[in-house]
Amino acid sequence: MGARLPFDLIRMHEQVSSPPERRIKASVQRMSGYVPGEQPASADIIKLNTNENPYPPAPGVADVCHDFDLDKLRQYPDPVSAPLCDQLAGLYGCHAENVIVGNGSDEILALCTRAFVEDDQKIGFFDPSYSLYPILSDIRDVPVVVTPLGDAFEWREPVVDGCGLFMLANPNAPSGLSIDSARVRAFCEAFEGVVIVDEAYAEFADDHCLALALELPNVLVVRTLSKSYALAGIRLGYALGHPALISALMKIKDSYNVNALTQAMASAALADQDYLVATVSRVKATRARLQEALQALDFDVVPSQTNFLFVRPTHRRADALFAALRERNILVRHFTDERVCDYLRISVGTDDEIDALLRALKDIQSS
């Protein structure tokens, strides 16, 4: 008969072999993770599901990639992206102390949930809105206060009881609607907590809230280079606001949160504002053409201030149309939440991609 294990070793073995769930924070076990749009491996897919810019970034970005000094990769990048903050400050007429740069705007949103919400406070946002907001609240393990938008996804006065932070996507996603900056100002001035105005699509809109971030002590405007600058792949976001809010975020961000190559490519993109304006104009023109064509096909189309359209098909269920388009190698986005399950979100692609989409929709309608 073999030797018996000492009692301490038996107890250690039982602890190590216990279910792994016991080692995971309870709030993380309960939550569901963020579900991003599908990223297909095939190049034959027409991808209109993740609101990416259909055009390449500014030519200077390619120059950075070609000429980048690889010796810089063995060194840590600038920890606060100081040259980039200076560049953004110059672009928006503020000071570097008003700017923070992050690994995508999502990093900055996550930092805000850590910096501006006490454990006994709540996070507020609209419904429907950016589906990451409830996930970030779950990660922070604080309650949420959700304000339903109107039947046409229009503004409702936010419920903010107990909230230390309110996340406001403007223009909103997935609807594409923009909220008048005067109305946002009135809310921010009345709210005692911090308001994050998430302006991921601001360059495609007719209005924005940058002035609020530079005038009010409780407002941060968060933007990204993913959409209008066609740089979703490098993950670069930034926020502008009062120096006290920016300083708080600086304290808790990762030590080197933006890599050196991303900083250099972002700088090249920001330097070419003429290219930005031309690209945005091109997308907006296609957006208008797509809206008119979809309305002619009896779609209900929500007026958009973004690079996508939120549409309700009237001739068949949205999930069935999503599947029929997918069979034809065209990806759009369908959400299953009750408020939006009758809609599809369609990113504005190139004119050729939109022509292919419209041909497919006509084919599906006639089948």
Protein backbone atom coordinates (compact mmCIF):
# COMPACT_ATOMS: atom_id res chain seq x y z
CA MET A 1 0.00 0.00 0.00
CA GLY A 2 1.46 3.39 -1.05
CA ALA A 3 2.41 6.11 1.39
CA ARG A 4 -0.36 8.50 2.41
CA LEU A 5 -0.16 12.16 1.53
CA PRO A 6 0.28 14.50 4.49
CA PHE A 7 -2.93 16.28 5.52
CA ASP A 8 -1.63 19.71 4.39
CA LEU A 9 -0.87 18.38 0.91
CA ILE A 10 -4.32 16.80 0.67
CA ARG A 11 -5.95 20.08 1.61
CA MET A 12 -3.77 21.95 -0.92
CA HIS A 13 -4.75 19.45 -3.62
CA GLU A 14 -8.44 19.93 -2.84
CA GLN A 15 -8.04 23.71 -3.09
CA VAL A 16 -6.20 23.55 -6.41
CA SER A 17 -8.71 21.10 -7.91
CA SER A 18 -11.77 23.13 -6.82
CA PRO A 19 -13.92 24.63 -9.61
CA PRO A 20 -12.17 27.57 -11.32
CA GLU A 21 -15.33 29.68 -10.98
CA ARG A 22 -14.58 30.01 -7.26
CA ARG A 23 -11.55 32.10 -8.19
CA ILE A 24 -13.49 34.54 -10.40
CA LYS A 25 -15.08 37.67 -8.96
CA ALA A 26 -18.81 37.12 -8.52
CA SER A 27 -19.77 40.20 -10.53
CA VAL A 28 -17.64 38.99 -13.45
CA GLN A 29 -19.28 35.55 -13.32
CA ARG A 30 -22.71 37.18 -13.57
CA MET A 31 -21.96 39.56 -16.42
CA SER A 32 -22.01 39.01 -20.15
CA GLY A 33 -19.14 40.37 -22.20
CA TYR A 34 -19.30 42.91 -25.00
CA VAL A 35 -20.18 41.35 -28.36
CA PRO A 36 -18.34 43.11 -31.21
CA GLY A 37 -19.44 43.01 -34.81
CA GLU A 38 -18.33 40.04 -36.85
CA GLN A 39 -14.89 40.29 -38.45
CA PRO A 40 -14.95 37.81 -41.35
CA ALA A 41 -11.76 36.18 -42.60
CA SER A 42 -12.85 36.15 -46.24
CA ALA A 43 -12.05 39.11 -48.48
CA ASP A 44 -15.15 38.36 -50.56
CA ILE A 45 -17.47 39.73 -47.88
CA ILE A 46 -18.99 43.21 -48.22
CA LYS A 47 -18.59 44.40 -44.66
CA LEU A 48 -21.18 46.97 -43.62
CA ASN A 49 -21.56 45.91 -39.99
CA THR A 50 -18.98 47.71 -37.83
CA ASN A 51 -19.07 51.35 -38.99
CA GLU A 52 -15.54 51.33 -40.31
CA ASN A 53 -14.55 54.00 -42.78
CA PRO A 54 -14.60 52.49 -46.29
CA TYR A 55 -11.68 54.65 -47.44
CA PRO A 56 -7.99 54.47 -46.49
CA PRO A 57 -6.45 56.80 -43.91
CA ALA A 58 -4.56 59.92 -44.89
CA PRO A 59 -1.50 59.32 -47.12
CA GLY A 60 0.83 60.50 -44.37
CA VAL A 61 -0.12 57.46 -42.29
CA ALA A 62 1.32 55.16 -44.95
CA ASP A 63 4.49 57.26 -44.95
CA VAL A 64 4.84 56.73 -41.19
CA CYS A 65 4.52 52.97 -41.61
CA HIS A 66 7.13 52.98 -44.37
CA ASP A 67 9.65 55.25 -42.69
CA PHE A 68 9.20 54.37 -39.01
CA ASP A 69 12.47 53.93 -37.11
CA LEU A 70 12.31 50.36 -35.83
CA ASP A 71 14.88 51.18 -33.16
CA LYS A 72 12.11 53.08 -31.38
CA LEU A 73 10.28 49.82 -30.81
CA ARG A 74 12.84 48.66 -28.26
CA GLN A 75 12.11 51.75 -26.18
CA TYR A 76 9.01 52.59 -24.21
CA PRO A 77 6.73 55.12 -25.92
CA ASP A 78 5.96 58.56 -24.53
CA PRO A 79 3.87 57.62 -21.46
CA VAL A 80 1.42 60.52 -21.82
CA SER A 81 1.56 60.98 -25.61
CA ALA A 82 2.70 64.56 -25.00
CA PRO A 83 3.33 65.59 -28.64
CA LEU A 84 -0.07 64.19 -29.61
CA CYS A 85 -1.79 66.03 -26.75
CA ASP A 86 -0.09 69.24 -27.88
CA GLN A 87 -1.27 68.62 -31.43
CA LEU A 88 -4.88 68.00 -30.35
CA ALA A 89 -4.79 71.07 -28.11
CA GLY A 90 -3.68 73.17 -31.07
CA LEU A 91 -6.39 71.67 -33.25
CA TYR A 92 -9.15 72.50 -30.77
CA GLY A 93 -7.82 75.75 -29.33
CA CYS A 94 -7.19 74.56 -25.78
CA HIS A 95 -4.21 73.52 -23.63
CA ALA A 96 -2.46 70.16 -23.38
CA GLU A 97 -3.78 69.94 -19.80
CA ASN A 98 -7.25 69.64 -21.34
CA VAL A 99 -6.35 66.50 -23.31
CA ILE A 100 -5.75 62.82 -22.62
CA VAL A 101 -5.01 60.17 -25.25
CA GLY A 102 -6.04 56.54 -24.84
CA ASN A 103 -5.90 53.09 -26.38
CA GLY A 104 -9.14 53.68 -28.23
CA SER A 105 -11.98 55.71 -26.78
CA ASP A 106 -13.17 52.55 -25.03
CA GLU A 107 -10.17 52.72 -22.70
CA ILE A 108 -11.07 56.27 -21.76
CA LEU A 109 -14.69 55.30 -21.11
CA ALA A 110 -13.49 52.50 -18.82
CA LEU A 111 -11.17 54.89 -16.99
CA CYS A 112 -14.10 57.25 -16.40
CA THR A 113 -16.08 54.52 -14.64
CA ARG A 114 -13.14 54.09 -12.27
CA ALA A 115 -12.33 57.75 -11.72
CA PHE A 116 -15.75 59.38 -11.34
CA VAL A 117 -18.02 56.80 -9.68
CA GLU A 118 -17.95 55.96 -5.97
CA ASP A 119 -18.84 52.43 -4.90
CA ASP A 120 -22.23 53.61 -3.61
CA GLN A 121 -23.08 55.57 -6.76
CA LYS A 122 -24.60 54.56 -10.09
CA ILE A 123 -23.89 55.00 -13.81
CA GLY A 124 -26.59 56.37 -16.08
CA PHE A 125 -27.17 56.13 -19.82
CA PHE A 126 -29.94 55.98 -22.41
CA ASP A 127 -31.60 52.94 -23.95
CA PRO A 128 -30.90 52.18 -26.70
CA SER A 129 -27.32 53.39 -26.79
CA TYR A 130 -23.78 52.08 -27.08
CA SER A 131 -23.92 48.48 -25.85
CA LEU A 132 -20.55 48.79 -24.10
CA TYR A 133 -21.95 51.10 -21.40
CA PRO A 134 -23.75 48.39 -19.38
CA ILE A 135 -20.71 46.11 -19.75
CA LEU A 136 -18.41 48.78 -18.29
CA SER A 137 -20.89 49.29 -15.46
CA ASP A 138 -20.91 45.55 -14.75
CA ILE A 139 -17.12 45.49 -14.70
CA ARG A 140 -17.17 48.40 -12.25
CA ASP A 141 -19.81 46.45 -10.27
CA VAL A 142 -22.13 49.40 -9.67
CA PRO A 143 -25.87 49.72 -10.43
CA VAL A 144 -27.13 51.45 -13.56
CA VAL A 145 -29.94 53.91 -14.13
CA VAL A 146 -31.33 53.53 -17.65
CA THR A 147 -33.47 56.21 -19.30
CA PRO A 148 -35.54 54.87 -22.22
CA LEU A 149 -35.48 57.10 -25.28
CA GLY A 150 -38.76 57.95 -26.99
CA ASP A 151 -40.55 55.74 -29.50
CA ALA A 152 -38.59 57.40 -32.32
CA PHE A 153 -35.37 57.26 -30.23
CA GLU A 154 -35.73 60.95 -29.40
CA TRP A 155 -34.43 62.69 -26.26
CA ARG A 156 -35.99 62.05 -22.89
CA GLU A 157 -34.84 63.94 -19.82
CA PRO A 158 -32.33 61.59 -18.17
CA VAL A 159 -33.05 59.94 -14.83
CA VAL A 160 -29.93 60.45 -12.73
CA ASP A 161 -30.92 59.58 -9.14
CA GLY A 162 -27.77 58.41 -7.37
CA CYS A 163 -25.60 58.71 -10.49
CA GLY A 164 -22.03 59.90 -10.31
CA LEU A 165 -21.53 59.46 -14.05
CA PHE A 166 -23.77 59.75 -17.10
CA MET A 167 -22.64 58.38 -20.47
CA LEU A 168 -24.22 60.19 -23.41
CA ALA A 169 -23.46 59.04 -26.96
CA ASN A 170 -23.99 61.96 -29.31
CA PRO A 171 -24.71 61.23 -32.11
CA ASN A 172 -26.27 58.17 -30.57
CA ALA A 173 -25.63 54.59 -31.54
CA PRO A 174 -27.31 52.58 -32.85
CA SER A 175 -29.95 55.12 -33.89
CA GLY A 176 -27.62 57.67 -35.51
CA LEU A 177 -29.64 60.58 -34.12
CA SER A 178 -27.92 63.69 -32.82
CA ILE A 179 -29.01 65.65 -29.74
CA ASP A 180 -28.94 69.45 -29.91
CA SER A 181 -25.93 70.76 -27.99
CA ALA A 182 -28.08 73.37 -26.20
CA ARG A 183 -30.19 70.60 -24.71
CA VAL A 184 -27.06 68.71 -23.68
CA ARG A 185 -25.70 71.88 -22.07
CA ALA A 186 -28.85 72.36 -19.99
CA PHE A 187 -28.60 68.78 -18.72
CA CYS A 188 -24.89 69.05 -17.92
CA GLU A 189 -25.36 72.31 -16.03
CA ALA A 190 -28.09 70.74 -13.88
CA PHE A 191 -26.29 67.42 -13.22
CA GLU A 192 -23.96 67.25 -10.22
CA GLY A 193 -21.90 64.35 -11.51
CA VAL A 194 -19.65 63.95 -14.55
CA VAL A 195 -21.11 63.74 -18.06
CA ILE A 196 -19.24 61.85 -20.76
CA VAL A 197 -20.32 63.05 -24.19
CA ASP A 198 -19.20 60.19 -26.40
CA GLU A 199 -18.68 61.76 -29.83
CA ALA A 200 -17.35 58.83 -31.82
CA TYR A 201 -19.24 60.06 -34.90
CA ALA A 202 -18.94 63.83 -34.38
CA GLU A 203 -17.18 64.58 -37.67
CA PHE A 204 -20.22 63.25 -39.58
CA ALA A 205 -22.65 65.43 -37.60
CA ASP A 206 -23.82 69.02 -37.93
CA ASP A 207 -23.37 69.82 -34.23
CA HIS A 208 -21.01 68.86 -31.39
CA CYS A 209 -20.34 69.53 -27.72
CA LEU A 210 -16.66 70.46 -27.62
CA ALA A 211 -17.46 73.88 -26.21
CA LEU A 212 -19.16 72.27 -23.22
CA ALA A 213 -16.05 70.24 -22.38
CA LEU A 214 -13.89 73.37 -22.42
CA GLU A 215 -16.36 75.55 -20.49
CA LEU A 216 -18.03 73.30 -17.91
CA PRO A 217 -16.11 71.60 -15.07
CA ASN A 218 -18.10 68.35 -15.21
CA VAL A 219 -18.04 67.49 -18.94
CA LEU A 220 -15.66 65.34 -20.95
CA VAL A 221 -15.97 64.94 -24.70
CA VAL A 222 -14.54 61.63 -25.89
CA ARG A 223 -13.60 61.07 -29.53
CA THR A 224 -11.85 58.48 -31.66
CA LEU A 225 -9.80 58.18 -34.82
CA SER A 226 -11.56 54.90 -35.66
CA LYS A 227 -14.40 56.30 -37.78
CA SER A 228 -13.77 59.56 -39.61
CA TYR A 229 -9.98 59.15 -39.72
CA ALA A 230 -10.23 55.52 -40.92
CA LEU A 231 -7.90 54.25 -38.20
CA ALA A 232 -9.94 51.69 -36.27
CA GLY A 233 -7.00 49.30 -36.46
CA ILE A 234 -4.57 51.43 -34.45
CA ARG A 235 -6.91 52.02 -31.44
CA LEU A 236 -6.54 55.72 -30.71
CA GLY A 237 -9.06 57.73 -28.74
CA TYR A 238 -8.88 60.97 -26.79
CA ALA A 239 -10.84 63.12 -24.38
CA LEU A 240 -11.03 66.86 -23.80
CA GLY A 241 -12.20 68.51 -20.62
CA HIS A 242 -11.35 70.35 -17.43
CA PRO A 243 -7.73 69.81 -16.28
CA ALA A 244 -8.93 68.31 -12.98
CA LEU A 245 -10.88 65.59 -14.81
CA ILE A 246 -8.01 64.93 -17.21
CA SER A 247 -5.54 64.73 -14.31
CA ALA A 248 -7.72 62.14 -12.58
CA LEU A 249 -7.71 59.95 -15.68
CA MET A 250 -3.95 60.37 -16.05
CA LYS A 251 -3.46 58.99 -12.55
CA ILE A 252 -5.15 55.67 -13.27
CA LYS A 253 -4.37 54.95 -16.93
CA ASP A 254 -1.88 52.25 -17.87
CA SER A 255 1.72 53.43 -17.67
CA TYR A 256 2.32 53.25 -21.44
CA ASN A 257 -1.18 52.99 -22.81
CA VAL A 258 -0.54 54.12 -26.41
CA ASN A 259 2.25 52.51 -28.40
CA ALA A 260 4.84 54.49 -30.34
CA LEU A 261 3.66 53.50 -33.81
CA THR A 262 0.06 54.41 -33.00
CA GLN A 263 1.15 57.81 -31.70
CA ALA A 264 3.09 58.51 -34.90
CA MET A 265 0.28 57.37 -37.23
CA ALA A 266 -2.32 59.34 -35.30
CA SER A 267 -0.21 62.47 -35.55
CA ALA A 268 0.07 62.08 -39.33
CA ALA A 269 -3.70 61.64 -39.66
CA LEU A 270 -4.50 64.66 -37.50
CA ALA A 271 -2.08 66.78 -39.51
CA ASP A 272 -4.09 66.28 -42.71
CA GLN A 273 -7.40 67.97 -42.00
CA ASP A 274 -8.06 68.55 -45.70
CA TYR A 275 -8.07 64.80 -46.26
CA LEU A 276 -10.41 64.33 -43.30
CA VAL A 277 -12.89 66.86 -44.67
CA ALA A 278 -12.82 65.29 -48.13
CA THR A 279 -13.35 61.76 -46.78
CA VAL A 280 -16.17 62.79 -44.46
CA SER A 281 -17.90 64.66 -47.30
CA ARG A 282 -17.65 61.56 -49.45
CA VAL A 283 -19.21 59.37 -46.76
CA LYS A 284 -22.01 61.87 -46.11
CA ALA A 285 -22.87 62.03 -49.81
CA THR A 286 -23.14 58.25 -49.99
CA ARG A 287 -25.18 58.25 -46.78
CA ALA A 288 -27.72 60.59 -48.36
CA ARG A 289 -27.92 58.47 -51.51
CA LEU A 290 -28.36 55.28 -49.47
CA GLN A 291 -31.09 56.83 -47.33
CA GLU A 292 -33.06 57.91 -50.41
CA ALA A 293 -32.68 54.49 -52.04
CA LEU A 294 -33.75 52.61 -48.91
CA GLN A 295 -36.81 54.80 -48.48
CA ALA A 296 -37.73 54.03 -52.09
CA LEU A 297 -37.57 50.35 -51.11
CA ASP A 298 -40.06 51.01 -48.27
CA PHE A 299 -37.57 51.00 -45.41
CA ASP A 300 -38.19 53.25 -42.43
CA VAL A 301 -34.92 55.16 -42.05
CA VAL A 302 -33.90 57.03 -38.89
CA PRO A 303 -32.28 60.38 -39.84
CA SER A 304 -28.55 59.86 -39.35
CA GLN A 305 -25.69 62.12 -38.28
CA THR A 306 -23.18 59.27 -38.40
CA ASN A 307 -21.53 57.00 -40.95
CA PHE A 308 -24.34 54.43 -40.71
CA LEU A 309 -28.10 54.20 -41.13
CA PHE A 310 -30.53 52.58 -38.69
CA VAL A 311 -33.38 51.16 -40.74
CA ARG A 312 -36.55 49.12 -40.27
CA PRO A 313 -37.59 46.85 -43.12
CA THR A 314 -41.34 46.77 -43.70
CA HIS A 315 -41.47 43.80 -46.07
CA ARG A 316 -39.92 41.13 -43.82
CA ARG A 317 -38.44 40.60 -40.39
CA ALA A 318 -35.10 42.26 -39.71
CA ASP A 319 -33.44 39.02 -38.59
CA ALA A 320 -34.60 37.25 -41.77
CA LEU A 321 -33.29 40.07 -43.94
CA PHE A 322 -30.00 40.02 -42.05
CA ALA A 323 -29.67 36.29 -42.79
CA ALA A 324 -30.64 36.73 -46.45
CA LEU A 325 -27.98 39.41 -46.92
CA ARG A 326 -25.42 37.24 -45.18
CA GLU A 327 -26.15 34.43 -47.62
CA ARG A 328 -25.22 36.92 -50.33
CA ASN A 329 -21.91 37.77 -48.59
CA ILE A 330 -23.12 41.12 -47.26
CA LEU A 331 -22.79 41.77 -43.54
CA VAL A 332 -24.93 44.33 -41.74
CA ARG A 333 -25.63 44.50 -37.99
CA HIS A 334 -28.70 43.11 -36.24
CA PHE A 335 -29.27 43.53 -32.51
CA THR A 336 -31.57 41.22 -30.55
CA ASP A 337 -32.54 43.67 -27.78
CA GLU A 338 -36.29 44.26 -27.67
CA ARG A 339 -36.11 47.99 -28.44
CA VAL A 340 -34.10 47.52 -31.63
CA CYS A 341 -34.69 43.98 -32.87
CA ASP A 342 -36.88 45.21 -35.74
CA TYR A 343 -34.02 47.30 -37.15
CA LEU A 344 -30.78 46.78 -39.04
CA ARG A 345 -27.74 49.01 -38.78
CA ILE A 346 -26.00 49.52 -42.11
CA SER A 347 -22.56 51.11 -42.31
CA VAL A 348 -21.94 53.48 -45.20
CA GLY A 349 -19.53 51.75 -47.55
CA THR A 350 -18.05 52.73 -50.87
CA ASP A 351 -20.43 53.56 -53.70
CA ASP A 352 -19.73 50.17 -55.29
CA GLU A 353 -20.50 48.40 -52.01
CA ILE A 354 -23.74 50.32 -51.60
CA ASP A 355 -24.72 49.51 -55.18
CA ALA A 356 -24.17 45.81 -54.42
CA LEU A 357 -26.25 46.11 -51.24
CA LEU A 358 -29.14 47.74 -53.09
CA ARG A 359 -29.06 45.09 -55.82
CA ALA A 360 -29.19 42.39 -53.16
CA LEU A 361 -32.10 44.03 -51.37
CA LYS A 362 -34.09 44.30 -54.61
CA ASP A 363 -33.31 40.66 -55.36
CA ILE A 364 -34.47 39.60 -51.89
CA GLN A 365 -37.68 41.62 -52.20
CA SER A 366 -38.52 40.00 -55.52
CA SER A 367 -37.83 36.45 -54.31
